[in-house]
N, C-alpha and C. Protein backbone atom coordinates (compact mmCIF):
# COMPACT_ATOMS: atom_id res chain seq x y z
N ASP A 1 -0.79 -23.47 -5.31
CA ASP A 1 -0.59 -22.08 -4.94
C ASP A 1 0.79 -21.94 -4.32
N GLY A 2 1.73 -21.37 -5.04
CA GLY A 2 3.09 -21.21 -4.54
C GLY A 2 3.22 -20.05 -3.57
N LYS A 3 4.18 -20.16 -2.67
CA LYS A 3 4.43 -19.08 -1.72
C LYS A 3 5.33 -18.05 -2.37
N TRP A 4 5.13 -16.82 -2.01
CA TRP A 4 6.00 -15.76 -2.47
C TRP A 4 7.26 -15.78 -1.64
N ILE A 5 8.40 -15.81 -2.27
CA ILE A 5 9.67 -15.77 -1.55
C ILE A 5 9.83 -14.40 -0.89
N CYS A 6 9.30 -13.37 -1.51
CA CYS A 6 9.48 -12.01 -1.01
C CYS A 6 8.34 -11.56 -0.08
N LYS A 7 7.54 -12.47 0.41
CA LYS A 7 6.38 -12.11 1.25
C LYS A 7 6.78 -11.31 2.49
N ASP A 8 7.97 -11.53 3.03
CA ASP A 8 8.44 -10.83 4.22
C ASP A 8 9.21 -9.55 3.90
N LEU A 9 9.05 -9.05 2.70
CA LEU A 9 9.73 -7.84 2.25
C LEU A 9 9.47 -6.68 3.21
N LYS A 10 10.54 -5.98 3.59
CA LYS A 10 10.41 -4.85 4.52
C LYS A 10 10.70 -3.52 3.85
N THR A 11 11.51 -3.54 2.80
CA THR A 11 11.88 -2.32 2.08
C THR A 11 11.69 -2.56 0.59
N LEU A 12 11.06 -1.60 -0.07
CA LEU A 12 10.83 -1.72 -1.51
C LEU A 12 11.18 -0.40 -2.18
N ARG A 13 12.04 -0.48 -3.19
CA ARG A 13 12.40 0.67 -4.02
C ARG A 13 12.13 0.27 -5.46
N ILE A 14 11.13 0.90 -6.06
CA ILE A 14 10.73 0.50 -7.40
C ILE A 14 10.09 1.67 -8.14
N ARG A 15 10.29 1.71 -9.44
CA ARG A 15 9.56 2.63 -10.31
C ARG A 15 8.53 1.80 -11.05
N ILE A 16 7.35 2.34 -11.23
CA ILE A 16 6.26 1.62 -11.87
C ILE A 16 5.76 2.45 -13.05
N LYS A 17 5.64 1.79 -14.20
CA LYS A 17 5.17 2.47 -15.40
C LYS A 17 3.80 3.09 -15.13
N ASP A 18 3.61 4.30 -15.57
CA ASP A 18 2.38 5.09 -15.41
C ASP A 18 2.19 5.67 -14.01
N LEU A 19 3.00 5.28 -13.05
CA LEU A 19 3.00 5.93 -11.74
C LEU A 19 4.16 6.92 -11.80
N ASP A 20 3.96 7.98 -12.59
CA ASP A 20 5.10 8.79 -13.02
C ASP A 20 5.03 10.26 -12.62
N THR A 21 4.10 10.60 -11.75
CA THR A 21 4.06 11.98 -11.26
C THR A 21 4.03 11.96 -9.73
N LYS A 22 4.45 13.08 -9.17
CA LYS A 22 4.44 13.21 -7.71
C LYS A 22 3.02 12.99 -7.17
N GLU A 23 2.03 13.53 -7.85
CA GLU A 23 0.65 13.42 -7.40
C GLU A 23 0.17 11.96 -7.38
N LYS A 24 0.49 11.22 -8.42
CA LYS A 24 0.10 9.81 -8.48
C LYS A 24 0.80 9.00 -7.40
N ILE A 25 2.08 9.27 -7.20
CA ILE A 25 2.84 8.56 -6.16
C ILE A 25 2.25 8.86 -4.79
N LEU A 26 1.96 10.13 -4.52
CA LEU A 26 1.39 10.51 -3.23
C LEU A 26 0.03 9.86 -3.00
N LYS A 27 -0.77 9.75 -4.05
CA LYS A 27 -2.09 9.10 -3.90
C LYS A 27 -1.92 7.62 -3.59
N ALA A 28 -1.00 6.95 -4.29
CA ALA A 28 -0.75 5.52 -4.03
C ALA A 28 -0.27 5.32 -2.60
N ILE A 29 0.63 6.17 -2.13
CA ILE A 29 1.14 6.06 -0.76
C ILE A 29 0.02 6.31 0.24
N ALA A 30 -0.82 7.30 -0.02
CA ALA A 30 -1.94 7.60 0.89
C ALA A 30 -2.89 6.41 0.99
N LEU A 31 -3.17 5.77 -0.13
CA LEU A 31 -4.06 4.60 -0.12
C LEU A 31 -3.42 3.43 0.62
N TRP A 32 -2.12 3.23 0.42
CA TRP A 32 -1.40 2.16 1.13
C TRP A 32 -1.44 2.41 2.63
N ARG A 33 -1.13 3.65 3.03
CA ARG A 33 -1.14 3.99 4.46
C ARG A 33 -2.53 3.78 5.07
N LYS A 34 -3.56 4.18 4.34
CA LYS A 34 -4.93 4.01 4.82
C LYS A 34 -5.24 2.53 5.03
N GLY A 35 -4.80 1.70 4.09
CA GLY A 35 -5.01 0.26 4.21
C GLY A 35 -4.24 -0.34 5.38
N CYS A 36 -3.01 0.13 5.60
CA CYS A 36 -2.21 -0.34 6.74
C CYS A 36 -2.90 0.03 8.05
N TRP A 37 -3.36 1.26 8.14
CA TRP A 37 -4.03 1.73 9.35
C TRP A 37 -5.27 0.88 9.64
N ARG A 38 -6.03 0.61 8.59
CA ARG A 38 -7.24 -0.21 8.74
C ARG A 38 -6.87 -1.61 9.24
N ARG A 39 -5.84 -2.21 8.67
CA ARG A 39 -5.41 -3.55 9.06
C ARG A 39 -4.98 -3.57 10.53
N TRP A 40 -4.22 -2.56 10.95
CA TRP A 40 -3.78 -2.50 12.35
C TRP A 40 -4.96 -2.36 13.29
N ARG A 41 -5.93 -1.55 12.91
CA ARG A 41 -7.12 -1.38 13.76
C ARG A 41 -7.90 -2.68 13.86
N GLU A 42 -8.04 -3.38 12.76
CA GLU A 42 -8.75 -4.66 12.77
C GLU A 42 -8.02 -5.67 13.65
N GLN A 43 -6.69 -5.72 13.55
CA GLN A 43 -5.91 -6.65 14.36
C GLN A 43 -6.01 -6.33 15.84
N ALA A 44 -6.19 -5.05 16.16
CA ALA A 44 -6.31 -4.63 17.56
C ALA A 44 -7.73 -4.82 18.09
N GLY A 45 -8.64 -5.22 17.22
CA GLY A 45 -10.02 -5.43 17.65
C GLY A 45 -10.83 -4.14 17.71
N THR A 46 -10.30 -3.08 17.11
CA THR A 46 -11.00 -1.80 17.09
C THR A 46 -12.02 -1.82 15.96
N PRO A 47 -13.25 -1.40 16.23
CA PRO A 47 -14.25 -1.37 15.17
C PRO A 47 -13.79 -0.47 14.02
N VAL A 48 -13.95 -0.97 12.82
CA VAL A 48 -13.53 -0.23 11.63
C VAL A 48 -14.72 -0.13 10.69
N GLY A 49 -15.02 1.09 10.27
CA GLY A 49 -16.12 1.29 9.33
C GLY A 49 -15.66 1.12 7.90
N GLU A 50 -16.49 1.55 7.01
CA GLU A 50 -16.19 1.43 5.58
C GLU A 50 -15.19 2.49 5.10
N GLU A 51 -14.95 3.52 5.90
CA GLU A 51 -14.13 4.64 5.44
C GLU A 51 -12.70 4.26 5.11
N GLY A 52 -12.17 3.22 5.71
CA GLY A 52 -10.79 2.84 5.45
C GLY A 52 -10.62 1.76 4.41
N ARG A 53 -11.72 1.26 3.90
CA ARG A 53 -11.66 0.14 2.95
C ARG A 53 -11.29 0.65 1.55
N LEU A 54 -10.36 -0.05 0.92
CA LEU A 54 -10.00 0.30 -0.45
C LEU A 54 -11.08 -0.18 -1.40
N ASP A 55 -11.38 0.63 -2.40
CA ASP A 55 -12.38 0.28 -3.40
C ASP A 55 -11.78 -0.73 -4.36
N GLU A 56 -12.25 -1.96 -4.28
CA GLU A 56 -11.70 -3.03 -5.14
C GLU A 56 -12.04 -2.83 -6.61
N THR A 57 -13.01 -1.96 -6.91
CA THR A 57 -13.36 -1.71 -8.31
C THR A 57 -12.54 -0.57 -8.91
N ASP A 58 -11.80 0.14 -8.08
CA ASP A 58 -10.95 1.23 -8.57
C ASP A 58 -9.75 0.62 -9.29
N MET A 59 -9.68 0.82 -10.59
CA MET A 59 -8.60 0.24 -11.38
C MET A 59 -7.54 1.26 -11.77
N SER A 60 -7.51 2.38 -11.06
CA SER A 60 -6.46 3.37 -11.32
C SER A 60 -5.11 2.75 -10.94
N ILE A 61 -4.06 3.26 -11.53
CA ILE A 61 -2.72 2.74 -11.22
C ILE A 61 -2.41 2.92 -9.74
N GLU A 62 -2.85 4.03 -9.16
CA GLU A 62 -2.59 4.29 -7.75
C GLU A 62 -3.25 3.24 -6.85
N ALA A 63 -4.50 2.93 -7.12
CA ALA A 63 -5.23 1.94 -6.31
C ALA A 63 -4.66 0.54 -6.50
N ARG A 64 -4.30 0.20 -7.73
CA ARG A 64 -3.74 -1.13 -7.98
C ARG A 64 -2.41 -1.30 -7.26
N VAL A 65 -1.57 -0.26 -7.28
CA VAL A 65 -0.28 -0.32 -6.58
C VAL A 65 -0.52 -0.45 -5.08
N ALA A 66 -1.42 0.35 -4.53
CA ALA A 66 -1.70 0.30 -3.09
C ALA A 66 -2.19 -1.09 -2.67
N ARG A 67 -3.10 -1.67 -3.44
CA ARG A 67 -3.60 -3.02 -3.11
C ARG A 67 -2.47 -4.04 -3.13
N HIS A 68 -1.56 -3.90 -4.09
CA HIS A 68 -0.44 -4.84 -4.16
C HIS A 68 0.51 -4.65 -2.98
N LEU A 69 0.80 -3.41 -2.63
CA LEU A 69 1.69 -3.15 -1.48
C LEU A 69 1.10 -3.73 -0.20
N LEU A 70 -0.20 -3.71 -0.06
CA LEU A 70 -0.85 -4.22 1.15
C LEU A 70 -0.71 -5.73 1.30
N LYS A 71 -0.31 -6.40 0.25
CA LYS A 71 -0.08 -7.85 0.34
C LYS A 71 1.19 -8.17 1.13
N PHE A 72 2.06 -7.17 1.27
CA PHE A 72 3.31 -7.34 2.01
C PHE A 72 3.10 -6.81 3.43
N HIS A 73 2.72 -7.67 4.34
CA HIS A 73 2.33 -7.27 5.69
C HIS A 73 3.48 -6.69 6.51
N LYS A 74 4.72 -7.00 6.16
CA LYS A 74 5.87 -6.50 6.92
C LYS A 74 6.54 -5.30 6.24
N LEU A 75 5.99 -4.86 5.13
CA LEU A 75 6.57 -3.75 4.38
C LEU A 75 6.57 -2.48 5.23
N TRP A 76 7.73 -1.86 5.35
CA TRP A 76 7.87 -0.70 6.22
C TRP A 76 8.40 0.53 5.48
N LYS A 77 9.22 0.35 4.46
CA LYS A 77 9.77 1.48 3.71
C LYS A 77 9.46 1.28 2.23
N VAL A 78 8.90 2.33 1.62
CA VAL A 78 8.53 2.26 0.20
C VAL A 78 9.03 3.51 -0.50
N TRP A 79 9.69 3.31 -1.61
CA TRP A 79 10.11 4.38 -2.49
C TRP A 79 9.57 4.06 -3.87
N LEU A 80 8.74 4.95 -4.41
CA LEU A 80 8.14 4.73 -5.72
C LEU A 80 8.62 5.77 -6.74
N GLY A 81 9.69 6.46 -6.38
CA GLY A 81 10.23 7.48 -7.28
C GLY A 81 10.22 8.87 -6.67
N TYR A 82 9.59 9.00 -5.52
CA TYR A 82 9.53 10.29 -4.83
C TYR A 82 9.52 10.03 -3.34
N GLN A 83 10.59 10.32 -2.67
CA GLN A 83 10.77 10.15 -1.23
C GLN A 83 10.58 8.69 -0.78
N THR A 84 11.08 8.41 0.41
CA THR A 84 10.86 7.10 1.04
C THR A 84 9.77 7.28 2.08
N TRP A 85 8.80 6.39 2.07
CA TRP A 85 7.64 6.49 2.94
C TRP A 85 7.53 5.28 3.84
N ASN A 86 6.92 5.45 4.99
CA ASN A 86 6.55 4.31 5.83
C ASN A 86 5.06 4.43 6.12
N PRO A 87 4.46 3.38 6.68
CA PRO A 87 3.00 3.37 6.80
C PRO A 87 2.42 4.30 7.86
N ILE A 88 3.26 4.94 8.67
CA ILE A 88 2.69 5.86 9.67
C ILE A 88 3.24 7.26 9.49
């Protein structure tokens, strides 16, 4: 199992095929932010219910992008083709 060289990525600017509308980009960002919020709450020891959990069976492009972004724990700025976003 090799380590990702880019695991500490803090800024990401990328266009993704099929993530090509403002609505899709906003949904992916919303899912990423929700996942970040959940992770921070868990790290703080705050009880977290099921409401913040990403659906692992959701295979939409938005959900797949959000799950991938969540692998970068230090990621702070994301541009997917519409505005630059941060997790808060």
